[in-house]
């Protein structure tokens, strides 16, 4: 009878580990970390990941730059008349396009 309880305990522990990993993946968290936590702290890990918030994926910088270029192009200030020197920090950029990217990445509050 004791062997049956041990077998059920081991099965419950393994199910808990997989459930931790699955929930972590659903919430955009690191599955490997939560597998390790599920192994070391089976009951606490499942409660913690169940209550964790969903992590929002970070967009690729390419999309941020493209959004910013649209904002810069729609502003009344014409950056092409300013040359290639940043009016905020004074950094010299190679082209007007690199100035637009520089303005969006380093000075987003000015370009929005």
Foldseek 3Di string as FASTA:
>chain_A
DVVVVVVVVVVLLVVLLVLLLVLCVVLVHDSVVLSVCSNVPVPVSSVVSVPDHRDDDDDDVVVQLVVLLVLQVPDPDDQVVVAQAAPPPRDGDDDSSVSSSCCCPVPVVVSD
